[in-house]
């Protein structure tokens, strides 16, 4: 006789309690301000709970941390404890963690300190750097739920596999070998298929800069955690904007590389064109390629990090294009102002900018939306049926009508969609090539400046549009987010002459309220061509310098 299934509410509460109880008692806040009482919990607000040394450590950028742990200025243990503390605060203020393994992290940090004492050299290029992970990575000793109640106590929803709390993703092993300290897994929306972070375990993850708004998704916990400086760098995945949306919403840099640049081997399952990426408070190159991941993941290209492509010379003049509208949804006022700010600053530096008028974006976006639904929701349905938990409304808006809509798409449909995508990629490639006629250099546009989303950040359960981010996935281009400004209610007002293109355009513009959005981060993305990670990061760092000069 089969054992009676426990109510999903009981299982979810037990997991949430375990997360909260994993925070040491002296790191727990005695009271928490309601969102309406304290909108912005970044900066001085969170600093009041930290020591002077902890603030110095947690607000250092990743390269400075590695330099300090590699030279003895800070021990890896001191750094690990500081970030574990700040991550604990971030979770209490935003609901951004799915798991903590602080004790294991501190022991790993002690081992790194012993290693450097014995060998008089760091273990690797990430020696002592705390790294947070989206809850899609498998880590030994830690379960992976991906936001599903039905995955609790299992390996991807299955029991008795022998992999539970033992198996590790390839990327996790790479990070350990490079000297990183892993200490927490961050919140995601169940299914990963929305630009907000919500599930039945931790509830809703809020934007720490403006807790009226979402932190983004699906790597939303990473966005909130790093936005509060509870992590110097984190790893996530991006199937339609899942790294770039949280990065933009939280004032961060988020790299979406092309397929095959970083390893995906051993990740929790997700159908579609999923790619790894990095989220950080600073645009920096990655050291992961020094481990030759193509020897361990058959889908990774044999392309080492190319330093010669990662440099923008002082006098080099670049040719940019700017996308002001994708032909479907108009930009909220602060996003529109961010585009104007970046283009004006670059033009003052002598760089040329043209308007980007590419092939119809809707066609490209349609191919990726079709891929999300190849199985007509069968994978989603099976995951929810494990516990009987309901879908969040944000997920139901994508998959709800599909759950009982018939069998998965057949091979003919999938092949036709793949052909349509390839033809669209070719058309877009030729358009990009054609810009060589406009630059005066004989070379095409270097980088496209574009919105990540039409909004500075999503309002809870608002009407979404992923076209600005999803087009990059459809094309498999490289893109990196760029923090630009914050919403100013006195400047970023609605245009009374605005005329929507349709119902979707109107619905999204209707969500904008300067009072609600005031203070929120506003970010954009810089888009390069396939496998141009070095160039995109170099240009992002350059443009960031122009904005802050």
Protein backbone atom coordinates (compact mmCIF):
# COMPACT_ATOMS: atom_id res chain seq x y z
CA UNK A 1 0.00 0.00 0.00
CA UNK A 2 1.45 3.33 -1.05
CA UNK A 3 2.24 5.80 1.70
CA UNK A 4 -0.18 8.70 1.95
CA UNK A 5 1.21 11.85 0.38
CA UNK A 6 1.75 14.72 2.79
CA UNK A 7 -0.01 18.00 1.94
CA UNK A 8 2.24 20.19 -0.18
CA UNK A 9 1.73 23.03 2.32
CA UNK A 10 3.30 20.92 5.08
CA UNK A 11 6.32 20.05 2.96
CA UNK A 12 6.81 23.63 1.78
CA UNK A 13 6.61 25.04 5.31
CA UNK A 14 9.12 22.51 6.61
CA UNK A 15 11.56 23.49 3.87
CA UNK A 16 11.07 27.21 4.48
CA UNK A 17 11.56 26.70 8.21
CA UNK A 18 14.80 24.82 7.55
CA UNK A 19 16.11 27.67 5.40
CA UNK A 20 15.30 30.27 8.02
CA UNK A 21 16.63 28.14 10.89
CA UNK A 22 19.94 27.65 9.05
CA UNK A 23 20.70 31.32 9.72
CA UNK A 24 22.72 31.63 12.95
CA UNK A 25 20.73 33.14 15.79
CA UNK A 26 22.97 36.20 16.15
CA UNK A 27 22.49 37.00 12.44
CA UNK A 28 18.71 37.03 12.66
CA UNK A 29 17.01 40.41 12.59
CA UNK A 30 14.77 41.08 15.60
CA UNK A 31 12.10 42.64 13.40
CA UNK A 32 11.60 43.12 9.70
CA UNK A 33 10.21 46.32 8.14
CA UNK A 34 7.19 45.86 5.91
CA UNK A 35 7.76 46.70 2.25
CA UNK A 36 5.66 49.84 2.53
CA UNK A 37 7.65 50.96 5.58
CA UNK A 38 11.06 50.53 4.02
CA UNK A 39 11.23 50.45 0.24
CA UNK A 40 15.03 50.45 -0.20
CA UNK A 41 16.98 48.07 2.04
CA UNK A 42 20.33 48.42 0.22
CA UNK A 43 23.25 50.67 1.20
CA UNK A 44 23.19 52.18 4.66
CA UNK A 45 20.14 50.21 5.72
CA UNK A 46 21.77 46.78 5.46
CA UNK A 47 25.18 48.11 6.56
CA UNK A 48 23.82 48.92 10.05
CA UNK A 49 23.79 45.18 10.81
CA UNK A 50 27.41 44.58 9.75
CA UNK A 51 30.82 45.30 11.25
CA UNK A 52 33.21 47.72 9.59
CA UNK A 53 35.36 44.82 8.37
CA UNK A 54 32.34 42.95 7.00
CA UNK A 55 31.28 46.02 5.05
CA UNK A 56 34.78 46.42 3.60
CA UNK A 57 34.92 42.77 2.58
CA UNK A 58 31.43 42.44 1.11
CA UNK A 59 31.60 45.68 -0.85
CA UNK A 60 34.89 44.81 -2.53
CA UNK A 61 34.70 43.71 -6.15
CA UNK A 62 35.53 40.12 -7.06
CA UNK A 63 39.09 40.72 -8.39
CA UNK A 64 39.98 42.69 -5.24
CA UNK A 65 38.69 39.87 -3.06
CA UNK A 66 40.81 37.29 -4.88
CA UNK A 67 43.83 39.58 -4.68
CA UNK A 68 43.32 39.93 -0.93
CA UNK A 69 42.82 36.23 -0.23
CA UNK A 70 45.77 35.32 -2.46
CA UNK A 71 48.20 37.72 -0.75
CA UNK A 72 47.14 37.25 2.84
CA UNK A 73 45.45 40.61 3.30
CA UNK A 74 42.27 38.69 4.18
CA UNK A 75 41.90 35.02 4.93
CA UNK A 76 39.37 33.07 2.91
CA UNK A 77 37.62 32.27 6.20
CA UNK A 78 37.12 35.96 7.05
CA UNK A 79 35.71 36.58 3.58
CA UNK A 80 33.42 33.54 3.71
CA UNK A 81 32.00 34.47 7.11
CA UNK A 82 31.34 38.05 5.99
CA UNK A 83 29.40 36.98 2.90
CA UNK A 84 27.49 34.28 4.79
CA UNK A 85 26.37 36.98 7.23
CA UNK A 86 25.36 39.46 4.55
CA UNK A 87 23.58 36.73 2.56
CA UNK A 88 21.59 35.90 5.68
CA UNK A 89 20.50 39.52 5.96
CA UNK A 90 19.61 39.64 2.27
CA UNK A 91 17.37 36.59 2.60
CA UNK A 92 15.52 37.99 5.58
CA UNK A 93 14.80 41.20 3.67
CA UNK A 94 13.95 39.74 0.24
CA UNK A 95 13.38 35.91 0.44
CA UNK A 96 16.28 35.23 -1.91
CA UNK A 97 17.71 31.90 -0.70
CA UNK A 98 16.64 28.29 -1.24
CA UNK A 99 19.52 26.72 0.68
CA UNK A 100 22.49 27.68 2.81
CA UNK A 101 25.55 25.57 3.51
CA UNK A 102 27.54 28.07 5.52
CA UNK A 103 29.33 25.53 7.74
CA UNK A 104 30.63 23.62 4.71
CA UNK A 105 31.69 26.90 3.09
CA UNK A 106 33.66 27.99 6.14
CA UNK A 107 35.41 24.61 6.29
CA UNK A 108 36.26 24.92 2.58
CA UNK A 109 37.62 28.40 3.24
CA UNK A 110 39.80 27.11 6.08
CA UNK A 111 41.16 24.46 3.72
CA UNK A 112 42.04 27.16 1.20
CA UNK A 113 43.87 29.12 3.90
CA UNK A 114 45.81 25.97 4.83
CA UNK A 115 46.61 25.35 1.17
CA UNK A 116 48.09 28.80 0.65
CA UNK A 117 50.10 28.55 3.87
CA UNK A 118 51.56 25.22 2.80
CA UNK A 119 52.10 25.89 -0.90
CA UNK A 120 52.72 29.66 -0.81
CA UNK A 121 50.43 30.15 -3.78
CA UNK A 122 46.68 30.34 -4.34
CA UNK A 123 44.77 27.24 -5.37
CA UNK A 124 43.45 28.92 -8.50
CA UNK A 125 42.31 32.20 -10.08
CA UNK A 126 39.19 32.29 -7.89
CA UNK A 127 41.01 31.51 -4.63
CA UNK A 128 38.73 32.32 -1.71
CA UNK A 129 36.03 34.01 -3.80
CA UNK A 130 32.51 33.30 -2.49
CA UNK A 131 30.20 32.34 -5.35
CA UNK A 132 26.42 31.94 -5.11
CA UNK A 133 24.50 29.54 -7.33
CA UNK A 134 21.02 29.56 -8.81
CA UNK A 135 19.01 26.61 -7.50
CA UNK A 136 19.45 24.71 -10.73
CA UNK A 137 23.00 23.63 -9.93
CA UNK A 138 23.55 20.32 -8.15
CA UNK A 139 25.87 20.62 -5.13
CA UNK A 140 27.01 17.72 -2.94
CA UNK A 141 25.25 17.69 0.40
CA UNK A 142 22.52 20.06 -0.79
CA UNK A 143 19.20 19.31 -2.47
CA UNK A 144 18.04 20.96 -5.67
CA UNK A 145 14.36 21.92 -5.75
CA UNK A 146 14.23 24.40 -8.64
CA UNK A 147 11.28 25.86 -6.72
CA UNK A 148 9.17 22.67 -6.86
CA UNK A 149 7.71 21.26 -3.65
CA UNK A 150 7.62 17.86 -5.34
CA UNK A 151 11.40 17.86 -5.76
CA UNK A 152 12.02 18.04 -2.01
CA UNK A 153 13.96 14.98 -0.85
CA UNK A 154 14.48 13.74 -4.41
CA UNK A 155 16.83 14.04 -7.36
CA UNK A 156 14.87 16.06 -9.91
CA UNK A 157 11.60 14.60 -8.66
CA UNK A 158 12.77 10.96 -8.48
CA UNK A 159 13.62 8.95 -5.38
CA UNK A 160 16.16 6.18 -5.03
CA UNK A 161 18.42 7.32 -7.87
CA UNK A 162 21.57 7.27 -5.76
CA UNK A 163 22.28 10.85 -6.86
CA UNK A 164 20.38 12.61 -4.08
CA UNK A 165 22.73 15.11 -2.36
CA UNK A 166 25.73 13.36 -3.97
CA UNK A 167 25.83 14.42 -7.61
CA UNK A 168 27.49 17.70 -8.63
CA UNK A 169 27.09 19.72 -11.81
CA UNK A 170 30.17 20.16 -14.00
CA UNK A 171 30.21 23.92 -13.38
CA UNK A 172 30.24 23.36 -9.62
CA UNK A 173 33.27 21.09 -9.89
CA UNK A 174 35.00 23.67 -12.12
CA UNK A 175 34.36 26.41 -9.56
CA UNK A 176 35.74 24.33 -6.71
CA UNK A 177 38.87 23.48 -8.73
CA UNK A 178 39.41 27.19 -9.38
CA UNK A 179 39.34 27.94 -5.64
CA UNK A 180 35.84 29.38 -5.28
CA UNK A 181 33.91 29.02 -2.01
CA UNK A 182 30.30 27.93 -2.52
CA UNK A 183 27.91 28.84 0.29
CA UNK A 184 24.28 29.26 -0.85
CA UNK A 185 21.73 28.50 -3.55
CA UNK A 186 19.36 31.22 -4.60
CA UNK A 187 15.64 31.38 -5.26
CA UNK A 188 13.95 30.77 -8.60
CA UNK A 189 10.37 30.66 -9.83
CA UNK A 190 9.13 27.11 -10.11
CA UNK A 191 9.60 26.03 -13.76
CA UNK A 192 12.11 28.92 -14.22
CA UNK A 193 9.75 30.28 -16.87
CA UNK A 194 8.90 33.78 -15.72
CA UNK A 195 10.60 37.13 -15.21
CA UNK A 196 9.54 37.20 -11.55
CA UNK A 197 10.70 34.90 -8.75
CA UNK A 198 7.86 33.18 -6.93
CA UNK A 199 7.22 29.65 -5.72
CA UNK A 200 5.28 27.82 -3.02
CA UNK A 201 8.34 27.32 -0.80
CA UNK A 202 9.77 30.79 -0.18
CA UNK A 203 6.92 32.90 -1.58
CA UNK A 204 7.94 36.03 -3.49
CA UNK A 205 11.47 37.39 -3.86
CA UNK A 206 11.51 41.19 -3.75
CA UNK A 207 13.72 43.81 -5.35
CA UNK A 208 15.97 45.15 -2.56
CA UNK A 209 16.28 48.60 -4.15
CA UNK A 210 12.51 49.00 -4.40
CA UNK A 211 10.41 46.42 -2.60
CA UNK A 212 7.30 47.46 -4.50
CA UNK A 213 8.82 45.58 -7.41
CA UNK A 214 10.16 42.21 -8.50
CA UNK A 215 13.80 41.18 -8.39
CA UNK A 216 13.26 39.60 -11.82
CA UNK A 217 13.60 35.99 -12.87
CA UNK A 218 14.34 33.33 -13.28
CA UNK A 219 17.77 33.92 -11.66
CA UNK A 220 15.95 36.36 -9.40
CA UNK A 221 17.47 35.22 -6.13
CA UNK A 222 20.90 35.92 -7.60
CA UNK A 223 19.77 39.41 -8.56
CA UNK A 224 18.40 40.22 -5.11
CA UNK A 225 21.36 38.68 -3.26
CA UNK A 226 24.04 40.42 -5.31
CA UNK A 227 21.99 43.63 -5.31
CA UNK A 228 22.35 43.60 -1.52
CA UNK A 229 26.04 42.65 -1.88
CA UNK A 230 25.40 39.29 -0.26
CA UNK A 231 27.52 37.77 -3.03
CA UNK A 232 30.32 39.21 -5.19
CA UNK A 233 29.41 36.98 -8.15
CA UNK A 234 26.86 34.32 -8.97
CA UNK A 235 25.96 31.88 -11.71
CA UNK A 236 22.61 31.36 -13.35
CA UNK A 237 21.01 30.30 -16.61
CA UNK A 238 19.28 32.29 -19.35
CA UNK A 239 16.61 30.80 -21.62
CA UNK A 240 14.90 34.08 -22.51
CA UNK A 241 16.45 36.72 -20.26
CA UNK A 242 16.75 34.86 -16.96
CA UNK A 243 20.15 36.35 -16.14
CA UNK A 244 19.80 39.72 -17.83
CA UNK A 245 16.36 40.58 -16.43
CA UNK A 246 17.38 40.18 -12.74
CA UNK A 247 20.70 41.90 -13.45
CA UNK A 248 19.00 44.91 -15.01
CA UNK A 249 16.31 45.08 -12.31
CA UNK A 250 18.96 45.06 -9.57
CA UNK A 251 21.58 47.42 -11.03
CA UNK A 252 24.05 44.65 -11.92
CA UNK A 253 26.11 43.27 -14.78
CA UNK A 254 24.82 40.01 -16.20
CA UNK A 255 26.54 38.15 -19.03
CA UNK A 256 24.56 35.88 -21.33
CA UNK A 257 27.17 34.00 -23.40
CA UNK A 258 26.48 32.15 -26.62
CA UNK A 259 25.76 28.44 -26.58
CA UNK A 260 28.80 26.27 -25.97
CA UNK A 261 31.05 28.82 -24.27
CA UNK A 262 30.48 27.57 -20.70
CA UNK A 263 29.59 24.04 -19.50
CA UNK A 264 25.97 23.01 -18.89
CA UNK A 265 26.73 19.35 -18.13
CA UNK A 266 24.92 17.94 -15.10
CA UNK A 267 22.41 20.73 -14.57
CA UNK A 268 18.87 20.20 -13.31
CA UNK A 269 16.69 19.57 -16.34
CA UNK A 270 15.08 22.34 -18.33
CA UNK A 271 13.84 22.03 -21.89
CA UNK A 272 14.78 24.68 -24.45
CA UNK A 273 17.80 26.72 -25.44
CA UNK A 274 19.25 27.28 -21.97
CA UNK A 275 22.64 28.96 -21.52
CA UNK A 276 24.87 29.70 -18.55
CA UNK A 277 25.80 33.16 -17.48
CA UNK A 278 27.37 35.25 -14.75
CA UNK A 279 25.87 37.97 -12.54
CA UNK A 280 28.09 40.46 -10.73
CA UNK A 281 28.28 43.97 -9.34
CA UNK A 282 31.13 44.59 -11.79
CA UNK A 283 31.82 43.63 -15.41
CA UNK A 284 34.80 41.27 -15.32
CA UNK A 285 36.18 38.50 -17.50
CA UNK A 286 35.66 34.90 -16.43
CA UNK A 287 38.40 32.50 -15.36
CA UNK A 288 36.34 29.39 -16.00
CA UNK A 289 37.77 28.80 -19.45
CA UNK A 290 41.21 28.27 -17.94
CA UNK A 291 39.95 24.82 -16.89
CA UNK A 292 39.31 23.73 -20.50
CA UNK A 293 35.65 22.80 -19.94
CA UNK A 294 35.41 21.42 -23.49
CA UNK A 295 37.27 18.37 -22.15
CA UNK A 296 34.39 17.66 -19.74
CA UNK A 297 31.28 18.85 -21.58
CA UNK A 298 30.90 17.66 -25.20
CA UNK A 299 28.85 20.72 -26.16
CA UNK A 300 31.45 23.32 -25.11
CA UNK A 301 33.54 24.87 -27.89
CA UNK A 302 37.31 24.57 -27.75
CA UNK A 303 37.74 28.34 -27.47
CA UNK A 304 40.07 29.55 -24.69
CA UNK A 305 39.64 33.05 -23.30
CA UNK A 306 40.99 35.44 -25.95
CA UNK A 307 42.70 38.34 -24.19
CA UNK A 308 43.44 40.12 -27.46
CA UNK A 309 39.70 40.55 -28.05
CA UNK A 310 39.04 41.80 -24.52
CA UNK A 311 40.74 45.20 -24.86
CA UNK A 312 39.32 48.54 -25.96
CA UNK A 313 42.16 50.95 -26.65
CA UNK A 314 42.00 54.48 -25.32
CA UNK A 315 41.62 56.12 -28.73
CA UNK A 316 39.54 53.41 -30.38
CA UNK A 317 36.30 54.67 -31.91
CA UNK A 318 33.41 52.24 -31.88
CA UNK A 319 30.30 52.09 -33.98
CA UNK A 320 27.11 51.48 -32.03
CA UNK A 321 23.50 50.95 -33.00
CA UNK A 322 20.54 51.70 -30.73
CA UNK A 323 17.23 49.82 -30.61
CA UNK A 324 14.54 52.19 -29.34
CA UNK A 325 11.48 50.05 -30.07
CA UNK A 326 11.03 46.40 -31.05
CA UNK A 327 7.83 47.05 -32.97
CA UNK A 328 5.68 45.38 -30.30
CA UNK A 329 5.97 47.11 -26.91
CA UNK A 330 6.99 50.69 -26.07
CA UNK A 331 9.45 51.58 -23.34
CA UNK A 332 8.53 53.02 -19.96
CA UNK A 333 9.86 56.58 -19.51
CA UNK A 334 12.90 55.70 -17.36
CA UNK A 335 14.07 53.02 -19.80
CA UNK A 336 13.69 55.45 -22.66
CA UNK A 337 15.74 58.02 -20.69
CA UNK A 338 18.45 55.42 -20.03
CA UNK A 339 18.85 54.88 -23.77
CA UNK A 340 19.16 58.62 -24.35
CA UNK A 341 21.73 58.94 -21.57
CA UNK A 342 23.99 56.22 -22.93
CA UNK A 343 23.82 57.35 -26.55
CA UNK A 344 24.48 61.00 -25.66
CA UNK A 345 27.51 60.11 -23.52
CA UNK A 346 29.00 57.89 -26.22
CA UNK A 347 28.49 60.48 -28.94
CA UNK A 348 30.34 63.01 -26.77
CA UNK A 349 33.26 60.57 -26.73
CA UNK A 350 33.32 60.59 -30.54
CA UNK A 351 31.63 57.25 -31.15
CA UNK A 352 29.10 56.98 -33.96
CA UNK A 353 25.57 55.66 -33.41
CA UNK A 354 22.91 54.62 -35.88
CA UNK A 355 19.32 53.51 -35.42
CA UNK A 356 18.93 49.73 -35.38
CA UNK A 357 16.20 48.65 -37.84
CA UNK A 358 16.54 44.85 -37.95
CA UNK A 359 14.22 42.16 -39.29
CA UNK A 360 10.88 41.87 -37.46
CA UNK A 361 11.65 40.86 -33.87
CA UNK A 362 8.28 39.22 -33.37
CA UNK A 363 9.22 36.50 -35.86
CA UNK A 364 12.39 35.67 -33.96
CA UNK A 365 10.70 35.74 -30.58
CA UNK A 366 7.97 33.43 -31.86
CA UNK A 367 10.55 30.70 -32.50
CA UNK A 368 11.76 30.70 -28.91
CA UNK A 369 8.26 30.83 -27.43
CA UNK A 370 7.38 27.81 -29.57
CA UNK A 371 10.43 25.98 -28.18
CA UNK A 372 9.31 26.66 -24.61
CA UNK A 373 6.14 24.72 -25.36
CA UNK A 374 7.38 21.80 -27.43
CA UNK A 375 6.04 19.33 -24.84
CA UNK A 376 2.73 21.19 -24.33
CA UNK A 377 3.56 21.54 -20.63
CA UNK A 378 4.10 17.83 -19.93
CA UNK A 379 7.30 18.42 -17.95
CA UNK A 380 5.69 21.23 -15.98
CA UNK A 381 2.57 19.19 -15.32
CA UNK A 382 4.52 16.18 -14.03
CA UNK A 383 6.54 18.37 -11.64
CA UNK A 384 3.45 19.97 -10.12
CA UNK A 385 1.63 16.65 -9.89
CA UNK A 386 4.37 15.24 -7.64
CA UNK A 387 3.07 17.32 -4.72
CA UNK A 388 -0.28 18.62 -5.90
CA UNK A 389 0.90 22.21 -5.47
CA UNK A 390 -0.69 24.93 -7.62
CA UNK A 391 1.07 26.98 -10.26
CA UNK A 392 1.83 30.61 -9.50
CA UNK A 393 -0.32 32.91 -11.67
CA UNK A 394 2.82 34.05 -13.51
CA UNK A 395 3.41 30.46 -14.64
CA UNK A 396 -0.23 29.75 -15.40
CA UNK A 397 -0.18 32.67 -17.81
CA UNK A 398 2.39 30.76 -19.90
CA UNK A 399 1.50 27.11 -19.35
CA UNK A 400 -1.93 27.01 -17.78
CA UNK A 401 -3.91 26.70 -21.00
CA UNK A 402 -1.40 24.19 -22.38
CA UNK A 403 -1.49 21.63 -19.57
CA UNK A 404 -4.28 19.54 -21.06
CA UNK A 405 -4.03 20.76 -24.64
CA UNK A 406 -2.98 17.50 -26.22
CA UNK A 407 0.22 15.64 -26.99
CA UNK A 408 3.67 17.17 -27.37
CA UNK A 409 4.58 18.78 -30.68
CA UNK A 410 5.76 16.24 -33.23
CA UNK A 411 9.11 16.06 -35.00
CA UNK A 412 7.72 17.85 -38.04
CA UNK A 413 6.68 20.87 -35.98
CA UNK A 414 10.00 20.99 -34.10
CA UNK A 415 12.03 20.67 -37.30
CA UNK A 416 10.01 23.43 -38.95
CA UNK A 417 10.55 25.73 -35.98
CA UNK A 418 14.28 25.03 -36.01
CA UNK A 419 14.39 25.84 -39.73
CA UNK A 420 12.45 29.05 -39.14
CA UNK A 421 14.89 30.04 -36.42
CA UNK A 422 17.92 29.33 -38.60
CA UNK A 423 16.47 31.31 -41.50
CA UNK A 424 15.74 34.20 -39.17
CA UNK A 425 19.28 34.07 -37.79
CA UNK A 426 20.67 34.21 -41.32
CA UNK A 427 18.46 37.18 -42.22
CA UNK A 428 19.53 39.02 -39.06
CA UNK A 429 23.19 38.21 -39.72
CA UNK A 430 22.99 39.72 -43.19
CA UNK A 431 21.32 42.84 -41.81
CA UNK A 432 24.16 43.24 -39.31
CA UNK A 433 26.69 42.71 -42.11
CA UNK A 434 24.98 45.40 -44.20
CA UNK A 435 25.74 48.08 -41.61
CA UNK A 436 29.33 48.06 -42.90
CA UNK A 437 28.03 50.41 -45.57
CA UNK A 438 27.09 52.95 -42.90
CA UNK A 439 30.09 52.96 -40.58
CA UNK A 440 32.64 54.47 -42.94
CA UNK A 441 35.19 51.89 -41.76
CA UNK A 442 34.19 49.00 -43.96
CA UNK A 443 33.30 47.07 -40.81
CA UNK A 444 29.78 46.53 -39.44
CA UNK A 445 28.34 47.83 -36.18
CA UNK A 446 30.33 46.72 -33.13
CA UNK A 447 27.60 46.62 -30.48
CA UNK A 448 23.84 47.15 -30.27
CA UNK A 449 22.50 49.13 -27.32
CA UNK A 450 19.05 47.84 -26.39
CA UNK A 451 16.56 47.54 -23.53
CA UNK A 452 16.47 44.32 -21.53
CA UNK A 453 12.78 44.86 -20.88
CA UNK A 454 10.29 47.66 -21.52
CA UNK A 455 10.12 48.22 -17.74
CA UNK A 456 12.71 49.18 -15.14
CA UNK A 457 11.43 46.24 -13.08
CA UNK A 458 8.30 44.14 -13.06
CA UNK A 459 5.36 44.82 -10.78
CA UNK A 460 4.14 41.64 -9.07
CA UNK A 461 2.01 39.58 -11.44
CA UNK A 462 2.15 42.32 -14.05
CA UNK A 463 1.74 41.81 -17.77
CA UNK A 464 5.11 40.57 -19.10
CA UNK A 465 6.87 41.02 -22.43
CA UNK A 466 10.12 39.11 -22.99
CA UNK A 467 10.73 40.19 -26.56
CA UNK A 468 13.65 42.52 -25.81
CA UNK A 469 15.55 39.81 -23.92
CA UNK A 470 14.29 36.74 -25.79
CA UNK A 471 15.46 37.95 -29.19
CA UNK A 472 19.07 37.49 -28.00
CA UNK A 473 18.34 33.85 -27.19
CA UNK A 474 16.65 33.29 -30.54
CA UNK A 475 19.78 34.64 -32.26
CA UNK A 476 22.21 33.02 -29.78
CA UNK A 477 24.04 36.33 -29.46
CA UNK A 478 26.24 37.42 -26.57
CA UNK A 479 24.83 40.16 -24.35
CA UNK A 480 25.72 41.88 -21.09
CA UNK A 481 23.58 44.16 -18.97
CA UNK A 482 24.69 47.67 -18.06
CA UNK A 483 23.38 49.60 -15.02
CA UNK A 484 22.57 53.14 -16.15
CA UNK A 485 20.44 55.12 -13.72
CA UNK A 486 17.54 54.98 -11.28
CA UNK A 487 13.92 56.02 -11.73
CA UNK A 488 13.26 59.65 -10.83
CA UNK A 489 9.55 60.36 -10.38
CA UNK A 490 10.06 64.05 -11.09
CA UNK A 491 11.61 63.36 -14.51
CA UNK A 492 10.29 60.01 -15.64
CA UNK A 493 6.69 60.96 -16.25
CA UNK A 494 4.22 59.49 -18.71
CA UNK A 495 3.98 61.07 -22.15
CA UNK A 496 0.39 62.31 -22.51
CA UNK A 497 0.64 61.90 -26.31
CA UNK A 498 1.47 58.18 -26.08
CA UNK A 499 -0.47 56.06 -28.56
CA UNK A 500 -0.23 52.28 -28.00
CA UNK A 501 0.35 49.90 -30.88
CA UNK A 502 -2.12 47.43 -29.45
CA UNK A 503 -3.62 45.95 -26.29
CA UNK A 504 -0.32 44.48 -25.05
CA UNK A 505 1.48 47.79 -25.51
CA UNK A 506 -1.29 49.61 -23.65
CA UNK A 507 -1.39 47.08 -20.79
CA UNK A 508 2.33 47.35 -20.17
CA UNK A 509 2.38 51.15 -20.29
CA UNK A 510 -0.61 51.23 -17.92
CA UNK A 511 1.54 49.49 -15.29
CA UNK A 512 3.88 52.48 -15.04
CA UNK A 513 3.41 54.69 -11.98
CA UNK A 514 6.26 57.11 -11.16
CA UNK A 515 5.47 56.98 -7.44
CA UNK A 516 5.69 53.19 -7.30
CA UNK A 517 8.79 52.96 -9.49
CA UNK A 518 10.71 55.85 -7.89
CA UNK A 519 14.27 54.83 -6.99
CA UNK A 520 14.31 51.55 -8.93
CA UNK A 521 17.38 50.60 -10.94
CA UNK A 522 17.29 51.05 -14.72
CA UNK A 523 19.55 48.92 -16.89
CA UNK A 524 20.14 48.20 -20.56
CA UNK A 525 21.98 45.48 -22.48
CA UNK A 526 24.89 45.64 -24.89
CA UNK A 527 24.53 42.99 -27.60
CA UNK A 528 27.35 41.49 -29.64
CA UNK A 529 27.40 38.73 -32.18
CA UNK A 530 27.79 35.01 -31.44
CA UNK A 531 30.74 33.98 -29.26
CA UNK A 532 31.93 37.57 -28.76
CA UNK A 533 32.04 37.34 -24.96
CA UNK A 534 35.45 39.00 -24.65
CA UNK A 535 34.45 41.94 -26.82
CA UNK A 536 31.06 42.40 -25.16
CA UNK A 537 32.58 42.44 -21.67
CA UNK A 538 35.32 44.85 -22.74
CA UNK A 539 32.84 47.26 -24.32
CA UNK A 540 30.53 46.98 -21.31
CA UNK A 541 33.36 47.89 -18.96
CA UNK A 542 34.32 50.79 -21.24
CA UNK A 543 30.77 52.16 -21.44
CA UNK A 544 30.38 51.80 -17.68
CA UNK A 545 33.48 53.96 -17.30
CA UNK A 546 32.03 56.58 -19.65
CA UNK A 547 28.83 56.71 -17.59
CA UNK A 548 30.65 57.13 -14.29
CA UNK A 549 33.34 59.54 -15.49
